[in-house]
């Protein structure tokens, strides 16, 4: 009696089953995050920063934005600051000083719905300030000059601005996509006041491992099929 062997389709079905499981359980794909996102002005619009505030060194006349929200860690999904990216509006009343650069800083504490349990945004509207810092200062130093105190975690991820929030740092939040428009007032002008680091998104480790498993099992299936011929 001939023993039946698995068809080449068997390993592939198994591999794709594993991959679908990983896709469903990966935090980077299944949940958003409660965190401070970092933005830079470009052509009067907010652009998701490609560097963290501790490494970015903005030029004189730059405009930086920081927004606290629950959203995906990706440029297309993250909530933008609800104030215009307008250097002149923020720094018009601050004269240039020799040996210093001026950086417009917009800090948006977000909406109450995004606040951690037991906490609340310190103000409803974005806070703006014109920071005067050293020529080689980083975005983090400009933010510190405008909105102390700051809090970071051990991985240098920005956790709190002006002491908000009191606890937590970039924790995953389920169902972040079931929220209303996070930028209802994104075109409004900034209002002057007295006043992980989110990084760009990328494939999760588990997803990469799953893709590698699919490729390996597919290759094994092809080899097994040729061996029977």
C-alpha atoms as a PDB file:
ATOM      1  CA  UNK A   1       0.000   0.000   0.000  1.00  0.00           C
ATOM      2  CA  UNK A   2       1.412   3.368  -1.004  1.00  0.00           C
ATOM      3  CA  UNK A   3       1.667   5.896   1.780  1.00  0.00           C
ATOM      4  CA  UNK A   4      -0.012   9.171   0.992  1.00  0.00           C
ATOM      5  CA  UNK A   5       2.194  12.172   1.414  1.00  0.00           C
ATOM      6  CA  UNK A   6       1.322  15.822   1.924  1.00  0.00           C
ATOM      7  CA  UNK A   7       0.739  17.782  -1.249  1.00  0.00           C
ATOM      8  CA  UNK A   8       2.835  20.884  -1.843  1.00  0.00           C
ATOM      9  CA  UNK A   9      -0.227  22.923  -0.919  1.00  0.00           C
ATOM     10  CA  UNK A  10      -0.207  21.690   2.678  1.00  0.00           C
ATOM     11  CA  UNK A  11       2.882  23.580   3.904  1.00  0.00           C
ATOM     12  CA  UNK A  12       1.731  26.716   2.137  1.00  0.00           C
ATOM     13  CA  UNK A  13      -1.674  26.620   3.827  1.00  0.00           C
ATOM     14  CA  UNK A  14       0.024  26.130   7.177  1.00  0.00           C
ATOM     15  CA  UNK A  15       2.456  28.995   6.533  1.00  0.00           C
ATOM     16  CA  UNK A  16      -0.272  31.430   5.585  1.00  0.00           C
ATOM     17  CA  UNK A  17      -2.243  30.401   8.653  1.00  0.00           C
ATOM     18  CA  UNK A  18       0.748  31.306  10.821  1.00  0.00           C
ATOM     19  CA  UNK A  19       1.165  34.617   8.997  1.00  0.00           C
ATOM     20  CA  UNK A  20      -2.494  35.571   9.474  1.00  0.00           C
ATOM     21  CA  UNK A  21      -2.187  34.801  13.175  1.00  0.00           C
ATOM     22  CA  UNK A  22       0.819  37.115  13.438  1.00  0.00           C
ATOM     23  CA  UNK A  23      -0.962  39.853  11.566  1.00  0.00           C
ATOM     24  CA  UNK A  24      -3.909  39.631  13.916  1.00  0.00           C
ATOM     25  CA  UNK A  25      -1.827  39.680  17.083  1.00  0.00           C
ATOM     26  CA  UNK A  26       0.827  42.242  16.157  1.00  0.00           C
ATOM     27  CA  UNK A  27       0.439  45.362  18.360  1.00  0.00           C
ATOM     28  CA  UNK A  28       1.908  47.597  15.662  1.00  0.00           C
ATOM     29  CA  UNK A  29      -0.905  46.630  13.293  1.00  0.00           C
ATOM     30  CA  UNK A  30      -3.808  45.945  15.663  1.00  0.00           C
ATOM     31  CA  UNK A  31      -3.546  48.973  17.928  1.00  0.00           C
ATOM     32  CA  UNK A  32      -2.644  52.608  18.050  1.00  0.00           C
ATOM     33  CA  UNK A  33      -0.532  54.366  20.627  1.00  0.00           C
ATOM     34  CA  UNK A  34      -0.987  57.203  23.115  1.00  0.00           C
ATOM     35  CA  UNK A  35       2.064  59.355  22.492  1.00  0.00           C
ATOM     36  CA  UNK A  36       3.579  62.716  21.534  1.00  0.00           C
ATOM     37  CA  UNK A  37       4.117  62.892  17.774  1.00  0.00           C
ATOM     38  CA  UNK A  38       6.722  65.238  16.309  1.00  0.00           C
ATOM     39  CA  UNK A  39       6.094  67.437  13.253  1.00  0.00           C
ATOM     40  CA  UNK A  40       8.013  69.919  11.105  1.00  0.00           C
ATOM     41  CA  UNK A  41       6.637  72.695   8.924  1.00  0.00           C
ATOM     42  CA  UNK A  42       7.142  72.392   5.168  1.00  0.00           C
ATOM     43  CA  UNK A  43       5.521  74.798   2.745  1.00  0.00           C
ATOM     44  CA  UNK A  44       3.062  75.930   5.413  1.00  0.00           C
ATOM     45  CA  UNK A  45       1.931  72.362   6.109  1.00  0.00           C
ATOM     46  CA  UNK A  46       2.730  69.904   8.887  1.00  0.00           C
ATOM     47  CA  UNK A  47       4.969  67.018   7.860  1.00  0.00           C
ATOM     48  CA  UNK A  48       5.644  64.001  10.088  1.00  0.00           C
ATOM     49  CA  UNK A  49       9.251  64.325  11.238  1.00  0.00           C
ATOM     50  CA  UNK A  50      11.742  61.779   9.916  1.00  0.00           C
ATOM     51  CA  UNK A  51      13.998  62.155  12.951  1.00  0.00           C
ATOM     52  CA  UNK A  52      13.363  62.256  16.661  1.00  0.00           C
ATOM     53  CA  UNK A  53      13.531  65.618  18.465  1.00  0.00           C
ATOM     54  CA  UNK A  54      16.785  64.651  20.172  1.00  0.00           C
ATOM     55  CA  UNK A  55      18.638  64.306  16.842  1.00  0.00           C
ATOM     56  CA  UNK A  56      16.856  66.820  14.585  1.00  0.00           C
ATOM     57  CA  UNK A  57      18.648  70.193  14.402  1.00  0.00           C
ATOM     58  CA  UNK A  58      16.211  72.737  12.965  1.00  0.00           C
ATOM     59  CA  UNK A  59      17.513  75.828  11.198  1.00  0.00           C
ATOM     60  CA  UNK A  60      16.775  79.382  12.226  1.00  0.00           C
ATOM     61  CA  UNK A  61      13.186  80.172  11.233  1.00  0.00           C
ATOM     62  CA  UNK A  62      11.945  76.585  11.534  1.00  0.00           C
ATOM     63  CA  UNK A  63       8.551  75.669  12.958  1.00  0.00           C
ATOM     64  CA  UNK A  64       8.135  72.536  15.085  1.00  0.00           C
ATOM     65  CA  UNK A  65       4.920  70.883  16.220  1.00  0.00           C
ATOM     66  CA  UNK A  66       4.187  68.378  18.978  1.00  0.00           C
ATOM     67  CA  UNK A  67       0.782  66.696  19.314  1.00  0.00           C
ATOM     68  CA  UNK A  68      -0.450  64.354  22.042  1.00  0.00           C
ATOM     69  CA  UNK A  69      -3.034  61.883  20.808  1.00  0.00           C
ATOM     70  CA  UNK A  70      -4.097  58.299  20.425  1.00  0.00           C
ATOM     71  CA  UNK A  71      -3.317  57.334  16.845  1.00  0.00           C
ATOM     72  CA  UNK A  72      -1.286  55.037  14.659  1.00  0.00           C
ATOM     73  CA  UNK A  73       2.485  55.553  14.673  1.00  0.00           C
ATOM     74  CA  UNK A  74       2.554  56.490  10.989  1.00  0.00           C
ATOM     75  CA  UNK A  75       2.524  59.715   9.016  1.00  0.00           C
ATOM     76  CA  UNK A  76      -0.807  58.937   7.344  1.00  0.00           C
ATOM     77  CA  UNK A  77      -2.555  58.089  10.619  1.00  0.00           C
ATOM     78  CA  UNK A  78      -1.031  60.342  13.293  1.00  0.00           C
ATOM     79  CA  UNK A  79      -2.979  63.392  14.501  1.00  0.00           C
ATOM     80  CA  UNK A  80      -1.442  66.720  13.425  1.00  0.00           C
ATOM     81  CA  UNK A  81      -1.155  69.808  15.613  1.00  0.00           C
ATOM     82  CA  UNK A  82      -4.392  71.836  15.453  1.00  0.00           C
ATOM     83  CA  UNK A  83      -2.641  75.091  14.608  1.00  0.00           C
ATOM     84  CA  UNK A  84      -1.114  76.442  11.434  1.00  0.00           C
ATOM     85  CA  UNK A  85       2.568  75.797  10.750  1.00  0.00           C
ATOM     86  CA  UNK A  86       3.295  79.523  10.637  1.00  0.00           C
ATOM     87  CA  UNK A  87       6.659  80.819  11.904  1.00  0.00           C
ATOM     88  CA  UNK A  88       5.746  84.491  11.431  1.00  0.00           C
ATOM     89  CA  UNK A  89       2.591  84.182  13.516  1.00  0.00           C
ATOM     90  CA  UNK A  90       4.491  82.656  16.427  1.00  0.00           C
ATOM     91  CA  UNK A  91       7.760  84.617  16.352  1.00  0.00           C
ATOM     92  CA  UNK A  92       6.620  87.999  15.040  1.00  0.00           C
ATOM     93  CA  UNK A  93       7.071  89.569  18.470  1.00  0.00           C
ATOM     94  CA  UNK A  94      10.509  88.065  19.146  1.00  0.00           C
ATOM     95  CA  UNK A  95      13.456  89.943  17.688  1.00  0.00           C
ATOM     96  CA  UNK A  96      16.419  88.031  16.306  1.00  0.00           C
ATOM     97  CA  UNK A  97      19.465  87.944  18.571  1.00  0.00           C
ATOM     98  CA  UNK A  98      23.084  87.523  17.559  1.00  0.00           C
ATOM     99  CA  UNK A  99      24.403  84.042  18.162  1.00  0.00           C
ATOM    100  CA  UNK A 100      20.893  82.594  18.639  1.00  0.00           C
ATOM    101  CA  UNK A 101      18.329  81.043  16.344  1.00  0.00           C
ATOM    102  CA  UNK A 102      14.576  81.438  16.588  1.00  0.00           C
ATOM    103  CA  UNK A 103      12.377  78.333  16.467  1.00  0.00           C
ATOM    104  CA  UNK A 104       8.575  78.493  16.494  1.00  0.00           C
ATOM    105  CA  UNK A 105       7.216  75.769  18.764  1.00  0.00           C
ATOM    106  CA  UNK A 106       3.591  74.577  18.693  1.00  0.00           C
ATOM    107  CA  UNK A 107       2.480  72.262  21.497  1.00  0.00           C
ATOM    108  CA  UNK A 108      -0.952  70.640  21.121  1.00  0.00           C
ATOM    109  CA  UNK A 109      -2.035  68.755  24.251  1.00  0.00           C
ATOM    110  CA  UNK A 110      -4.819  67.029  22.350  1.00  0.00           C
ATOM    111  CA  UNK A 111      -8.413  66.321  23.337  1.00  0.00           C
ATOM    112  CA  UNK A 112      -9.824  64.963  26.624  1.00  0.00           C
ATOM    113  CA  UNK A 113     -10.826  61.710  24.923  1.00  0.00           C
ATOM    114  CA  UNK A 114      -7.145  60.919  24.336  1.00  0.00           C
ATOM    115  CA  UNK A 115      -6.037  61.666  27.902  1.00  0.00           C
ATOM    116  CA  UNK A 116      -4.937  58.797  30.153  1.00  0.00           C
ATOM    117  CA  UNK A 117      -7.361  57.781  32.898  1.00  0.00           C
ATOM    118  CA  UNK A 118      -7.367  60.340  35.705  1.00  0.00           C
ATOM    119  CA  UNK A 119      -5.564  62.972  33.629  1.00  0.00           C
ATOM    120  CA  UNK A 120      -6.661  65.831  31.362  1.00  0.00           C
ATOM    121  CA  UNK A 121      -5.013  68.202  28.867  1.00  0.00           C
ATOM    122  CA  UNK A 122      -3.743  71.344  30.637  1.00  0.00           C
ATOM    123  CA  UNK A 123      -5.451  73.499  27.993  1.00  0.00           C
ATOM    124  CA  UNK A 124      -7.858  73.023  25.102  1.00  0.00           C
ATOM    125  CA  UNK A 125      -6.053  75.027  22.421  1.00  0.00           C
ATOM    126  CA  UNK A 126      -2.487  74.626  21.136  1.00  0.00           C
ATOM    127  CA  UNK A 127       0.226  76.532  22.993  1.00  0.00           C
ATOM    128  CA  UNK A 128       2.820  78.431  21.000  1.00  0.00           C
ATOM    129  CA  UNK A 129       6.176  79.958  21.860  1.00  0.00           C
ATOM    130  CA  UNK A 130       9.190  81.360  20.042  1.00  0.00           C
ATOM    131  CA  UNK A 131      12.290  79.656  21.429  1.00  0.00           C
ATOM    132  CA  UNK A 132      15.671  81.360  21.145  1.00  0.00           C
ATOM    133  CA  UNK A 133      18.383  78.729  21.344  1.00  0.00           C
ATOM    134  CA  UNK A 134      22.006  78.128  20.364  1.00  0.00           C
ATOM    135  CA  UNK A 135      22.737  77.701  16.637  1.00  0.00           C
ATOM    136  CA  UNK A 136      23.423  73.964  17.046  1.00  0.00           C
ATOM    137  CA  UNK A 137      20.472  73.268  19.355  1.00  0.00           C
ATOM    138  CA  UNK A 138      18.259  70.261  18.698  1.00  0.00           C
ATOM    139  CA  UNK A 139      14.485  70.226  18.439  1.00  0.00           C
ATOM    140  CA  UNK A 140      14.397  68.726  21.932  1.00  0.00           C
ATOM    141  CA  UNK A 141      16.333  71.698  23.287  1.00  0.00           C
ATOM    142  CA  UNK A 142      13.986  74.134  21.559  1.00  0.00           C
ATOM    143  CA  UNK A 143      11.020  72.299  23.067  1.00  0.00           C
ATOM    144  CA  UNK A 144      12.636  72.378  26.513  1.00  0.00           C
ATOM    145  CA  UNK A 145      13.113  76.139  26.191  1.00  0.00           C
ATOM    146  CA  UNK A 146       9.408  76.560  25.429  1.00  0.00           C
ATOM    147  CA  UNK A 147       7.523  73.915  27.406  1.00  0.00           C
ATOM    148  CA  UNK A 148       9.275  72.555  30.490  1.00  0.00           C
ATOM    149  CA  UNK A 149       9.211  70.171  32.228  1.00  0.00           C
ATOM    150  CA  UNK A 150       9.789  67.336  29.763  1.00  0.00           C
ATOM    151  CA  UNK A 151       9.861  63.635  30.565  1.00  0.00           C
ATOM    152  CA  UNK A 152      11.612  60.884  28.567  1.00  0.00           C
ATOM    153  CA  UNK A 153      11.860  57.136  29.030  1.00  0.00           C
ATOM    154  CA  UNK A 154      15.037  55.051  29.016  1.00  0.00           C
ATOM    155  CA  UNK A 155      14.845  54.752  25.211  1.00  0.00           C
ATOM    156  CA  UNK A 156      14.772  58.561  24.806  1.00  0.00           C
ATOM    157  CA  UNK A 157      11.092  58.525  23.774  1.00  0.00           C
ATOM    158  CA  UNK A 158       9.326  61.788  24.589  1.00  0.00           C
ATOM    159  CA  UNK A 159       6.736  60.929  27.252  1.00  0.00           C
ATOM    160  CA  UNK A 160       5.496  64.254  28.630  1.00  0.00           C
ATOM    161  CA  UNK A 161       5.546  67.948  27.713  1.00  0.00           C
ATOM    162  CA  UNK A 162       4.933  70.566  30.403  1.00  0.00           C
ATOM    163  CA  UNK A 163       4.340  67.664  32.753  1.00  0.00           C
ATOM    164  CA  UNK A 164       1.541  66.165  30.636  1.00  0.00           C
ATOM    165  CA  UNK A 165       0.670  63.370  30.881  1.00  0.00           C
ATOM    166  CA  UNK A 166       1.670  62.594  34.456  1.00  0.00           C
ATOM    167  CA  UNK A 167       2.242  58.909  33.737  1.00  0.00           C
ATOM    168  CA  UNK A 168       2.630  56.537  30.811  1.00  0.00           C
ATOM    169  CA  UNK A 169       4.737  56.630  27.685  1.00  0.00           C
ATOM    170  CA  UNK A 170       3.714  55.420  24.238  1.00  0.00           C
ATOM    171  CA  UNK A 171       1.473  52.626  25.510  1.00  0.00           C
ATOM    172  CA  UNK A 172      -0.537  50.666  22.895  1.00  0.00           C
ATOM    173  CA  UNK A 173      -4.267  51.412  22.776  1.00  0.00           C
ATOM    174  CA  UNK A 174      -6.789  49.076  21.141  1.00  0.00           C
ATOM    175  CA  UNK A 175      -9.290  50.349  18.553  1.00  0.00           C
ATOM    176  CA  UNK A 176      -7.425  53.585  17.893  1.00  0.00           C
ATOM    177  CA  UNK A 177      -8.917  53.656  14.418  1.00  0.00           C
ATOM    178  CA  UNK A 178     -12.489  54.015  15.728  1.00  0.00           C
ATOM    179  CA  UNK A 179     -12.087  57.710  16.488  1.00  0.00           C
ATOM    180  CA  UNK A 180     -13.488  60.925  14.946  1.00  0.00           C
ATOM    181  CA  UNK A 181     -11.370  63.247  12.817  1.00  0.00           C
ATOM    182  CA  UNK A 182      -8.340  64.131  15.020  1.00  0.00           C
ATOM    183  CA  UNK A 183      -7.676  67.422  13.171  1.00  0.00           C
ATOM    184  CA  UNK A 184     -10.942  69.392  13.099  1.00  0.00           C
ATOM    185  CA  UNK A 185      -9.116  72.731  13.493  1.00  0.00           C
ATOM    186  CA  UNK A 186      -5.860  71.987  11.677  1.00  0.00           C
ATOM    187  CA  UNK A 187      -6.194  75.103   9.510  1.00  0.00           C
ATOM    188  CA  UNK A 188      -6.685  77.536  12.377  1.00  0.00           C
ATOM    189  CA  UNK A 189      -3.933  80.021  13.115  1.00  0.00           C
ATOM    190  CA  UNK A 190      -1.794  79.574  16.223  1.00  0.00           C
ATOM    191  CA  UNK A 191      -2.647  81.607  19.312  1.00  0.00           C
ATOM    192  CA  UNK A 192       0.395  83.126  21.059  1.00  0.00           C
ATOM    193  CA  UNK A 193       0.835  82.263  24.719  1.00  0.00           C
ATOM    194  CA  UNK A 194       3.279  82.827  27.555  1.00  0.00           C
ATOM    195  CA  UNK A 195       4.752  79.594  27.127  1.00  0.00           C
ATOM    196  CA  UNK A 196       8.963  56.079  20.111  1.00  0.00           C
ATOM    197  CA  UNK A 197       9.765  60.405  19.947  1.00  0.00           C
ATOM    198  CA  UNK A 198       7.677  59.180  17.601  1.00  0.00           C
ATOM    199  CA  UNK A 199       9.477  57.427  15.032  1.00  0.00           C
ATOM    200  CA  UNK A 200       8.360  56.461  11.649  1.00  0.00           C
ATOM    201  CA  UNK A 201       6.452  53.277  11.341  1.00  0.00           C
ATOM    202  CA  UNK A 202       7.814  50.040   9.950  1.00  0.00           C
ATOM    203  CA  UNK A 203       7.056  46.318   9.799  1.00  0.00           C
ATOM    204  CA  UNK A 204       6.896  44.620  13.181  1.00  0.00           C
ATOM    205  CA  UNK A 205       9.366  41.872  14.086  1.00  0.00           C
ATOM    206  CA  UNK A 206       6.625  39.246  14.244  1.00  0.00           C
ATOM    207  CA  UNK A 207       5.426  40.182  10.756  1.00  0.00           C
ATOM    208  CA  UNK A 208       8.929  39.863   9.318  1.00  0.00           C
ATOM    209  CA  UNK A 209       9.343  36.481  10.995  1.00  0.00           C
ATOM    210  CA  UNK A 210       6.010  35.375   9.551  1.00  0.00           C
ATOM    211  CA  UNK A 211       6.979  36.431   6.045  1.00  0.00           C
ATOM    212  CA  UNK A 212      10.255  34.566   6.379  1.00  0.00           C
ATOM    213  CA  UNK A 213       8.350  31.452   7.495  1.00  0.00           C
ATOM    214  CA  UNK A 214       6.057  31.648   4.481  1.00  0.00           C
ATOM    215  CA  UNK A 215       9.013  31.946   2.115  1.00  0.00           C
ATOM    216  CA  UNK A 216      10.862  29.040   3.728  1.00  0.00           C
ATOM    217  CA  UNK A 217       7.871  26.695   3.692  1.00  0.00           C
ATOM    218  CA  UNK A 218       7.030  27.653   0.129  1.00  0.00           C
ATOM    219  CA  UNK A 219      10.563  26.764  -0.942  1.00  0.00           C
ATOM    220  CA  UNK A 220      10.302  23.463   0.921  1.00  0.00           C
ATOM    221  CA  UNK A 221       7.029  22.674  -0.821  1.00  0.00           C
ATOM    222  CA  UNK A 222       8.549  23.285  -4.258  1.00  0.00           C
ATOM    223  CA  UNK A 223      11.571  21.115  -3.413  1.00  0.00           C
ATOM    224  CA  UNK A 224       9.314  18.327  -2.142  1.00  0.00           C
ATOM    225  CA  UNK A 225       7.179  18.475  -5.278  1.00  0.00           C
ATOM    226  CA  UNK A 226      10.218  18.195  -7.588  1.00  0.00           C
ATOM    227  CA  UNK A 227      11.623  15.325  -5.571  1.00  0.00           C
ATOM    228  CA  UNK A 228       8.499  13.207  -6.226  1.00  0.00           C
ATOM    229  CA  UNK A 229       8.800  13.597  -9.983  1.00  0.00           C
END
